[in-house]
N, C-alpha and C. Protein backbone atom coordinates (compact mmCIF):
# COMPACT_ATOMS: atom_id res chain seq x y z
N MET A 1 -170.74 42.35 96.38
CA MET A 1 -170.77 41.56 97.60
C MET A 1 -169.83 42.20 98.61
N ARG A 2 -170.29 42.34 99.81
CA ARG A 2 -169.48 42.87 100.90
C ARG A 2 -169.25 41.76 101.91
N SER A 3 -168.03 41.64 102.36
CA SER A 3 -167.73 40.61 103.35
C SER A 3 -167.59 41.29 104.71
N PHE A 4 -168.22 40.71 105.72
CA PHE A 4 -168.23 41.29 107.05
C PHE A 4 -167.69 40.29 108.06
N VAL A 5 -166.91 40.78 108.98
CA VAL A 5 -166.61 40.03 110.20
C VAL A 5 -167.18 40.91 111.30
N VAL A 6 -168.22 40.46 111.92
CA VAL A 6 -168.91 41.27 112.92
C VAL A 6 -168.33 40.98 114.29
N LEU A 7 -167.97 42.04 114.99
CA LEU A 7 -167.47 41.91 116.34
C LEU A 7 -168.64 42.06 117.30
N ASN A 8 -168.52 41.45 118.46
CA ASN A 8 -169.59 41.69 119.44
C ASN A 8 -169.30 43.00 120.16
N ARG A 9 -170.20 43.41 121.02
CA ARG A 9 -170.07 44.71 121.67
C ARG A 9 -168.85 44.80 122.57
N HIS A 10 -168.24 43.66 122.89
CA HIS A 10 -167.07 43.64 123.76
C HIS A 10 -165.78 43.61 122.96
N GLY A 11 -165.84 43.70 121.63
CA GLY A 11 -164.66 43.63 120.79
C GLY A 11 -164.57 42.28 120.11
N PRO A 12 -163.38 41.89 119.65
CA PRO A 12 -163.23 40.62 118.94
C PRO A 12 -163.63 39.44 119.81
N ALA A 13 -164.04 38.37 119.15
CA ALA A 13 -164.45 37.16 119.87
C ALA A 13 -163.31 36.68 120.76
N THR A 14 -163.65 36.26 121.95
CA THR A 14 -162.64 35.75 122.88
C THR A 14 -162.52 34.25 122.71
N GLU A 15 -161.56 33.65 123.39
CA GLU A 15 -161.39 32.20 123.29
C GLU A 15 -162.65 31.45 123.67
N GLY A 16 -163.35 31.91 124.68
CA GLY A 16 -164.58 31.26 125.11
C GLY A 16 -165.65 31.28 124.03
N GLU A 17 -165.60 32.30 123.17
CA GLU A 17 -166.59 32.40 122.11
C GLU A 17 -166.18 31.62 120.87
N SER A 18 -164.94 31.12 120.82
CA SER A 18 -164.51 30.38 119.64
C SER A 18 -165.33 29.12 119.43
N MET A 19 -165.95 28.60 120.49
CA MET A 19 -166.83 27.44 120.34
C MET A 19 -168.01 27.78 119.44
N ASP A 20 -168.49 29.03 119.50
CA ASP A 20 -169.57 29.44 118.62
C ASP A 20 -169.13 29.40 117.17
N THR A 21 -167.90 29.83 116.90
CA THR A 21 -167.39 29.79 115.54
C THR A 21 -167.28 28.35 115.06
N ILE A 22 -166.79 27.47 115.93
CA ILE A 22 -166.70 26.05 115.58
C ILE A 22 -168.09 25.50 115.31
N ALA A 23 -169.05 25.83 116.17
CA ALA A 23 -170.43 25.35 115.98
C ALA A 23 -171.00 25.88 114.68
N ARG A 24 -170.75 27.15 114.36
CA ARG A 24 -171.27 27.72 113.12
C ARG A 24 -170.67 27.02 111.92
N ASP A 25 -169.36 26.82 111.92
CA ASP A 25 -168.71 26.16 110.79
C ASP A 25 -169.20 24.73 110.63
N LYS A 26 -169.40 24.04 111.75
CA LYS A 26 -169.87 22.66 111.71
C LYS A 26 -171.29 22.59 111.15
N MET A 27 -172.15 23.48 111.60
CA MET A 27 -173.55 23.46 111.18
C MET A 27 -173.72 23.95 109.75
N THR A 28 -172.86 24.85 109.29
CA THR A 28 -172.99 25.36 107.93
C THR A 28 -172.13 24.57 106.95
N LYS A 29 -171.36 23.63 107.44
CA LYS A 29 -170.48 22.75 106.66
C LYS A 29 -169.44 23.55 105.89
N THR A 30 -169.82 24.25 104.82
CA THR A 30 -168.84 24.99 104.05
C THR A 30 -168.65 26.40 104.57
N GLY A 31 -169.47 26.80 105.51
CA GLY A 31 -169.36 28.15 106.03
C GLY A 31 -169.99 29.19 105.10
N SER A 32 -170.83 28.76 104.14
CA SER A 32 -171.48 29.69 103.21
C SER A 32 -172.64 30.38 103.92
N VAL A 33 -172.43 31.64 104.28
CA VAL A 33 -173.43 32.41 105.01
C VAL A 33 -173.61 33.75 104.29
N ASP A 34 -174.77 33.94 103.67
CA ASP A 34 -175.06 35.17 102.94
C ASP A 34 -176.26 35.87 103.57
N PHE A 35 -176.12 37.18 103.73
CA PHE A 35 -177.20 37.97 104.33
C PHE A 35 -177.59 39.07 103.36
N TYR A 36 -178.85 39.08 102.97
CA TYR A 36 -179.41 40.07 102.05
C TYR A 36 -180.20 41.07 102.89
N TYR A 37 -179.86 42.34 102.78
CA TYR A 37 -180.42 43.35 103.67
C TYR A 37 -180.52 44.69 102.96
N SER A 38 -181.18 45.63 103.61
CA SER A 38 -181.24 47.01 103.13
C SER A 38 -181.09 47.93 104.33
N GLY A 39 -180.42 49.03 104.13
CA GLY A 39 -180.28 50.02 105.19
C GLY A 39 -181.58 50.74 105.50
N TYR A 40 -182.56 50.60 104.61
CA TYR A 40 -183.85 51.26 104.81
C TYR A 40 -184.88 50.32 105.42
N SER A 41 -184.45 49.17 105.88
CA SER A 41 -185.35 48.18 106.45
C SER A 41 -185.09 48.05 107.94
N ILE A 42 -186.11 48.36 108.73
CA ILE A 42 -185.99 48.22 110.19
C ILE A 42 -185.68 46.77 110.55
N ASN A 43 -186.29 45.83 109.83
CA ASN A 43 -186.04 44.42 110.12
C ASN A 43 -184.60 44.02 109.80
N SER A 44 -184.01 44.61 108.76
CA SER A 44 -182.60 44.35 108.49
C SER A 44 -181.74 44.85 109.64
N GLU A 45 -182.06 46.04 110.12
CA GLU A 45 -181.31 46.60 111.24
C GLU A 45 -181.43 45.73 112.48
N LYS A 46 -182.62 45.18 112.70
CA LYS A 46 -182.84 44.30 113.86
C LYS A 46 -181.92 43.09 113.78
N VAL A 47 -181.78 42.51 112.60
CA VAL A 47 -180.91 41.34 112.43
C VAL A 47 -179.45 41.74 112.56
N LEU A 48 -179.07 42.87 112.00
CA LEU A 48 -177.68 43.32 112.12
C LEU A 48 -177.29 43.55 113.58
N MET A 49 -178.23 44.04 114.40
CA MET A 49 -177.95 44.19 115.83
C MET A 49 -177.69 42.83 116.47
N CYS A 50 -178.47 41.84 116.09
CA CYS A 50 -178.27 40.48 116.61
C CYS A 50 -176.90 39.96 116.18
N PHE A 51 -176.56 40.13 114.90
CA PHE A 51 -175.25 39.68 114.39
C PHE A 51 -174.13 40.34 115.18
N PHE A 52 -174.26 41.63 115.44
CA PHE A 52 -173.25 42.37 116.18
C PHE A 52 -173.10 41.81 117.60
N GLU A 53 -174.21 41.60 118.26
CA GLU A 53 -174.18 41.07 119.63
C GLU A 53 -173.55 39.69 119.69
N LYS A 54 -173.83 38.86 118.69
CA LYS A 54 -173.36 37.47 118.70
C LYS A 54 -171.96 37.31 118.10
N GLY A 55 -171.46 38.33 117.39
CA GLY A 55 -170.19 38.17 116.71
C GLY A 55 -170.31 37.26 115.49
N PHE A 56 -171.46 37.30 114.84
CA PHE A 56 -171.79 36.41 113.72
C PHE A 56 -171.15 36.91 112.43
N GLU A 57 -170.47 36.01 111.72
CA GLU A 57 -169.78 36.36 110.47
C GLU A 57 -170.66 36.00 109.28
N PHE A 58 -170.63 36.86 108.25
CA PHE A 58 -171.47 36.63 107.08
C PHE A 58 -170.94 37.42 105.89
N ASP A 59 -171.40 37.06 104.71
CA ASP A 59 -171.16 37.85 103.51
C ASP A 59 -172.42 38.67 103.28
N GLY A 60 -172.28 39.99 103.26
CA GLY A 60 -173.43 40.87 103.12
C GLY A 60 -173.70 41.23 101.68
N HIS A 61 -174.97 41.29 101.34
CA HIS A 61 -175.42 41.67 100.00
C HIS A 61 -176.47 42.76 100.17
N TYR A 62 -176.11 43.98 99.80
CA TYR A 62 -177.02 45.11 99.98
C TYR A 62 -178.07 45.10 98.87
N ILE A 63 -179.33 45.18 99.25
CA ILE A 63 -180.44 45.25 98.31
C ILE A 63 -180.94 46.69 98.31
N ASP A 64 -180.80 47.36 97.16
CA ASP A 64 -181.22 48.76 97.05
C ASP A 64 -182.71 48.81 96.74
N LEU A 65 -183.48 49.15 97.75
CA LEU A 65 -184.94 49.20 97.59
C LEU A 65 -185.36 50.30 96.63
N PHE A 66 -184.56 51.36 96.52
CA PHE A 66 -184.90 52.46 95.61
C PHE A 66 -184.72 52.07 94.15
N LYS A 67 -183.87 51.09 93.90
CA LYS A 67 -183.69 50.56 92.54
C LYS A 67 -184.57 49.34 92.32
N PHE A 68 -185.41 49.02 93.30
CA PHE A 68 -186.32 47.88 93.24
C PHE A 68 -185.58 46.56 93.01
N GLU A 69 -184.37 46.46 93.59
CA GLU A 69 -183.60 45.21 93.45
C GLU A 69 -184.30 44.03 94.09
N GLN A 70 -185.19 44.29 95.04
CA GLN A 70 -185.93 43.21 95.69
C GLN A 70 -186.95 42.57 94.74
N THR A 71 -187.20 43.19 93.58
CA THR A 71 -188.15 42.63 92.61
C THR A 71 -187.45 41.96 91.43
N ARG A 72 -186.14 41.97 91.42
CA ARG A 72 -185.40 41.34 90.32
C ARG A 72 -185.47 39.82 90.44
N PRO A 73 -185.49 39.13 89.31
CA PRO A 73 -185.59 37.66 89.33
C PRO A 73 -184.53 36.99 90.18
N GLU A 74 -183.29 37.52 90.18
CA GLU A 74 -182.22 36.91 90.98
C GLU A 74 -182.58 36.92 92.46
N TYR A 75 -183.15 38.03 92.94
CA TYR A 75 -183.50 38.09 94.35
C TYR A 75 -184.78 37.32 94.64
N LEU A 76 -185.72 37.33 93.72
CA LEU A 76 -186.97 36.59 93.93
C LEU A 76 -186.72 35.09 94.02
N ARG A 77 -185.61 34.62 93.44
CA ARG A 77 -185.25 33.20 93.61
C ARG A 77 -184.79 32.94 95.06
N ILE A 78 -184.25 33.95 95.70
CA ILE A 78 -183.80 33.84 97.09
C ILE A 78 -184.98 34.03 98.04
N ASN A 79 -185.79 35.05 97.79
CA ASN A 79 -186.97 35.32 98.62
C ASN A 79 -188.13 35.64 97.67
N PRO A 80 -188.98 34.64 97.38
CA PRO A 80 -190.06 34.82 96.41
C PRO A 80 -191.02 35.97 96.73
N LEU A 81 -191.09 36.40 97.98
CA LEU A 81 -191.94 37.53 98.33
C LEU A 81 -191.25 38.87 98.11
N GLY A 82 -189.93 38.83 97.83
CA GLY A 82 -189.19 40.06 97.59
C GLY A 82 -188.98 40.89 98.84
N LEU A 83 -188.97 40.24 100.00
CA LEU A 83 -188.80 40.96 101.26
C LEU A 83 -187.35 40.87 101.74
N VAL A 84 -186.91 41.89 102.46
CA VAL A 84 -185.62 41.84 103.12
C VAL A 84 -185.88 41.98 104.61
N PRO A 85 -185.07 41.34 105.40
CA PRO A 85 -183.84 40.60 105.11
C PRO A 85 -184.11 39.12 104.84
N THR A 86 -183.06 38.49 104.30
CA THR A 86 -183.05 37.04 104.12
C THR A 86 -181.64 36.54 104.43
N LEU A 87 -181.55 35.50 105.23
CA LEU A 87 -180.29 34.83 105.52
C LEU A 87 -180.27 33.54 104.72
N VAL A 88 -179.14 33.26 104.04
CA VAL A 88 -179.01 32.04 103.25
C VAL A 88 -177.82 31.26 103.78
N ILE A 89 -178.09 30.05 104.28
CA ILE A 89 -177.05 29.17 104.81
C ILE A 89 -176.93 27.99 103.86
N ASN A 90 -175.79 27.91 103.16
CA ASN A 90 -175.56 26.82 102.20
C ASN A 90 -176.75 26.60 101.27
N GLY A 91 -177.32 27.69 100.76
CA GLY A 91 -178.41 27.59 99.81
C GLY A 91 -179.79 27.48 100.42
N THR A 92 -179.89 27.35 101.74
CA THR A 92 -181.20 27.28 102.40
C THR A 92 -181.57 28.68 102.90
N GLN A 93 -182.72 29.17 102.43
CA GLN A 93 -183.16 30.51 102.77
C GLN A 93 -183.89 30.53 104.11
N ILE A 94 -183.56 31.54 104.90
CA ILE A 94 -184.26 31.79 106.16
C ILE A 94 -184.73 33.24 106.10
N PRO A 95 -186.02 33.45 105.79
CA PRO A 95 -186.55 34.82 105.77
C PRO A 95 -187.07 35.20 107.16
N GLU A 96 -187.48 36.43 107.30
CA GLU A 96 -188.11 36.93 108.52
C GLU A 96 -187.09 37.20 109.63
N SER A 97 -186.99 38.44 110.03
CA SER A 97 -185.97 38.88 110.98
C SER A 97 -186.02 38.15 112.32
N THR A 98 -187.19 37.95 112.87
CA THR A 98 -187.29 37.29 114.18
C THR A 98 -186.80 35.85 114.09
N ILE A 99 -187.14 35.17 113.02
CA ILE A 99 -186.71 33.78 112.83
C ILE A 99 -185.20 33.72 112.63
N ILE A 100 -184.66 34.66 111.85
CA ILE A 100 -183.20 34.73 111.65
C ILE A 100 -182.51 34.92 113.00
N ASN A 101 -183.01 35.85 113.80
CA ASN A 101 -182.39 36.12 115.10
C ASN A 101 -182.44 34.90 116.01
N GLU A 102 -183.56 34.20 116.03
CA GLU A 102 -183.66 32.99 116.86
C GLU A 102 -182.70 31.91 116.36
N TYR A 103 -182.58 31.77 115.04
CA TYR A 103 -181.66 30.79 114.46
C TYR A 103 -180.22 31.09 114.89
N VAL A 104 -179.81 32.34 114.75
CA VAL A 104 -178.44 32.72 115.11
C VAL A 104 -178.21 32.55 116.61
N ASP A 105 -179.20 32.87 117.42
CA ASP A 105 -179.06 32.70 118.87
C ASP A 105 -178.92 31.22 119.22
N ASP A 106 -179.65 30.35 118.52
CA ASP A 106 -179.51 28.90 118.74
C ASP A 106 -178.17 28.38 118.23
N LEU A 107 -177.72 28.94 117.11
CA LEU A 107 -176.47 28.50 116.49
C LEU A 107 -175.26 28.87 117.34
N MET A 108 -175.33 30.00 118.00
CA MET A 108 -174.22 30.51 118.80
C MET A 108 -174.71 30.71 120.23
N PRO A 109 -174.70 29.66 121.04
CA PRO A 109 -175.35 29.71 122.36
C PRO A 109 -174.68 30.59 123.40
N SER A 110 -173.40 30.93 123.25
CA SER A 110 -172.82 31.81 124.27
C SER A 110 -173.39 33.22 124.07
N ASN A 111 -173.45 33.98 125.14
CA ASN A 111 -174.04 35.32 125.11
C ASN A 111 -175.48 35.26 124.58
N PRO A 112 -176.35 34.47 125.22
CA PRO A 112 -177.72 34.29 124.71
C PRO A 112 -178.52 35.60 124.72
N LEU A 113 -179.34 35.75 123.69
CA LEU A 113 -180.19 36.93 123.58
C LEU A 113 -181.59 36.70 124.13
N ARG A 114 -181.93 35.44 124.36
CA ARG A 114 -183.26 35.09 124.87
C ARG A 114 -183.12 34.49 126.26
N PRO A 115 -184.16 34.66 127.09
CA PRO A 115 -184.10 34.06 128.43
C PRO A 115 -184.11 32.53 128.36
N GLU A 116 -183.47 31.91 129.34
CA GLU A 116 -183.44 30.45 129.40
C GLU A 116 -184.77 29.88 129.91
N ASP A 117 -185.40 30.58 130.83
CA ASP A 117 -186.66 30.12 131.41
C ASP A 117 -187.77 30.12 130.34
N PRO A 118 -188.48 28.99 130.17
CA PRO A 118 -189.52 28.89 129.13
C PRO A 118 -190.63 29.93 129.27
N LEU A 119 -191.02 30.25 130.50
CA LEU A 119 -192.08 31.24 130.69
C LEU A 119 -191.60 32.63 130.27
N LEU A 120 -190.38 32.98 130.67
CA LEU A 120 -189.82 34.27 130.28
C LEU A 120 -189.61 34.34 128.76
N ARG A 121 -189.21 33.21 128.17
CA ARG A 121 -189.03 33.16 126.72
C ARG A 121 -190.37 33.37 126.02
N ALA A 122 -191.44 32.78 126.54
CA ALA A 122 -192.78 32.97 125.97
C ALA A 122 -193.20 34.44 126.07
N LYS A 123 -192.92 35.07 127.21
CA LYS A 123 -193.25 36.49 127.38
C LYS A 123 -192.44 37.35 126.41
N MET A 124 -191.18 36.97 126.20
CA MET A 124 -190.35 37.70 125.24
C MET A 124 -190.96 37.61 123.85
N ARG A 125 -191.38 36.40 123.46
CA ARG A 125 -192.00 36.22 122.13
C ARG A 125 -193.28 37.04 122.02
N GLU A 126 -194.03 37.11 123.11
CA GLU A 126 -195.26 37.92 123.11
C GLU A 126 -194.93 39.39 122.84
N LEU A 127 -193.90 39.91 123.51
CA LEU A 127 -193.50 41.31 123.31
C LEU A 127 -193.00 41.55 121.89
N VAL A 128 -192.22 40.62 121.36
CA VAL A 128 -191.73 40.74 119.99
C VAL A 128 -192.90 40.76 119.01
N GLN A 129 -193.86 39.86 119.22
CA GLN A 129 -195.04 39.80 118.36
C GLN A 129 -195.85 41.09 118.44
N ARG A 130 -196.02 41.59 119.64
CA ARG A 130 -196.77 42.85 119.83
C ARG A 130 -196.06 44.00 119.12
N PHE A 131 -194.75 44.04 119.24
CA PHE A 131 -193.96 45.06 118.55
C PHE A 131 -194.16 44.95 117.04
N GLN A 132 -194.06 43.72 116.52
CA GLN A 132 -194.20 43.51 115.07
C GLN A 132 -195.58 43.93 114.58
N GLU A 133 -196.61 43.69 115.36
CA GLU A 133 -197.97 43.96 114.91
C GLU A 133 -198.44 45.40 115.15
N SER A 134 -197.91 46.06 116.16
CA SER A 134 -198.43 47.40 116.48
C SER A 134 -197.41 48.51 116.25
N PHE A 135 -196.29 48.44 116.91
CA PHE A 135 -195.30 49.50 116.84
C PHE A 135 -194.57 49.53 115.49
N TYR A 136 -194.22 48.37 114.99
CA TYR A 136 -193.42 48.30 113.76
C TYR A 136 -194.08 48.99 112.57
N PRO A 137 -195.36 48.76 112.27
CA PRO A 137 -195.94 49.43 111.09
C PRO A 137 -195.83 50.96 111.15
N SER A 138 -196.09 51.54 112.31
CA SER A 138 -195.98 53.00 112.45
C SER A 138 -194.53 53.45 112.30
N MET A 139 -193.63 52.75 112.96
CA MET A 139 -192.21 53.10 112.89
C MET A 139 -191.69 52.94 111.47
N SER A 140 -192.11 51.89 110.81
CA SER A 140 -191.69 51.65 109.43
C SER A 140 -192.14 52.77 108.51
N LEU A 141 -193.38 53.19 108.68
CA LEU A 141 -193.92 54.27 107.86
C LEU A 141 -193.13 55.56 108.06
N LEU A 142 -192.87 55.92 109.32
CA LEU A 142 -192.09 57.12 109.62
C LEU A 142 -190.67 57.01 109.07
N SER A 143 -190.06 55.86 109.26
CA SER A 143 -188.70 55.63 108.79
C SER A 143 -188.64 55.73 107.27
N GLN A 144 -189.58 55.08 106.61
CA GLN A 144 -189.58 55.12 105.15
C GLN A 144 -189.78 56.55 104.65
N PHE A 145 -190.70 57.28 105.27
CA PHE A 145 -190.93 58.66 104.86
C PHE A 145 -189.65 59.47 105.02
N HIS A 146 -189.00 59.34 106.17
CA HIS A 146 -187.78 60.10 106.44
C HIS A 146 -186.69 59.76 105.43
N PHE A 147 -186.41 58.47 105.24
CA PHE A 147 -185.32 58.07 104.35
C PHE A 147 -185.69 58.24 102.89
N VAL A 148 -186.92 57.90 102.53
CA VAL A 148 -187.33 57.99 101.13
C VAL A 148 -187.33 59.44 100.68
N ALA A 149 -187.88 60.34 101.49
CA ALA A 149 -187.92 61.75 101.11
C ALA A 149 -186.51 62.29 100.87
N GLY A 150 -185.60 61.99 101.80
CA GLY A 150 -184.22 62.46 101.64
C GLY A 150 -183.54 61.85 100.43
N GLU A 151 -183.74 60.56 100.22
CA GLU A 151 -183.11 59.88 99.09
C GLU A 151 -183.67 60.39 97.77
N LEU A 152 -184.98 60.57 97.70
CA LEU A 152 -185.58 61.07 96.46
C LEU A 152 -185.10 62.48 96.16
N LYS A 153 -185.01 63.33 97.19
CA LYS A 153 -184.49 64.68 96.98
C LYS A 153 -183.07 64.63 96.43
N ARG A 154 -182.24 63.79 97.04
CA ARG A 154 -180.85 63.68 96.59
C ARG A 154 -180.78 63.20 95.16
N ARG A 155 -181.53 62.17 94.83
CA ARG A 155 -181.49 61.62 93.47
C ARG A 155 -182.04 62.60 92.45
N TRP A 156 -183.12 63.29 92.79
CA TRP A 156 -183.67 64.27 91.86
C TRP A 156 -182.68 65.40 91.64
N THR A 157 -182.05 65.86 92.70
CA THR A 157 -181.06 66.92 92.57
C THR A 157 -179.90 66.46 91.71
N ASP A 158 -179.39 65.24 91.96
CA ASP A 158 -178.29 64.71 91.16
C ASP A 158 -178.67 64.61 89.70
N SER A 159 -179.88 64.13 89.40
CA SER A 159 -180.29 63.96 88.00
C SER A 159 -180.49 65.32 87.34
N GLU A 160 -180.93 66.31 88.10
CA GLU A 160 -181.10 67.65 87.53
C GLU A 160 -179.75 68.29 87.20
N LEU A 161 -178.72 67.91 87.93
CA LEU A 161 -177.39 68.47 87.70
C LEU A 161 -176.70 67.85 86.50
N GLU A 162 -177.16 66.69 86.08
CA GLU A 162 -176.48 66.00 84.96
C GLU A 162 -176.88 66.56 83.63
């Protein structure tokens, strides 16, 4: 388990942002916030960018996709589909990167990531959906090829040296 205190792009949270911390603690009651992610997941990266922007604090749990940790019974209890990322707040699972980002944006209202105007917010959702359906699959394939090829080469070389 890795513990993270995420700073926003402007540095440590300011006094004005402390209300977000109070809101987060109040809404999570015990403050139990666990984030399951992988460095090889574009969707995990998308959520980590949101966490960074918001100054959101969490306990990080790295899921090694190359070791198929996403298929282990312990993780399948957290996300039955075996997908990353997943945010767990006091035992309640929130899967899907876009939903996680919207939850965190609602939880910490200062420095909003979404437009206030309902029409602009709808257009934003349309663009996010379009990205998820068209651009993401191609980008994911290229990303996986790039990272998987390098990782497999490294692991094969390491195993050959042993």
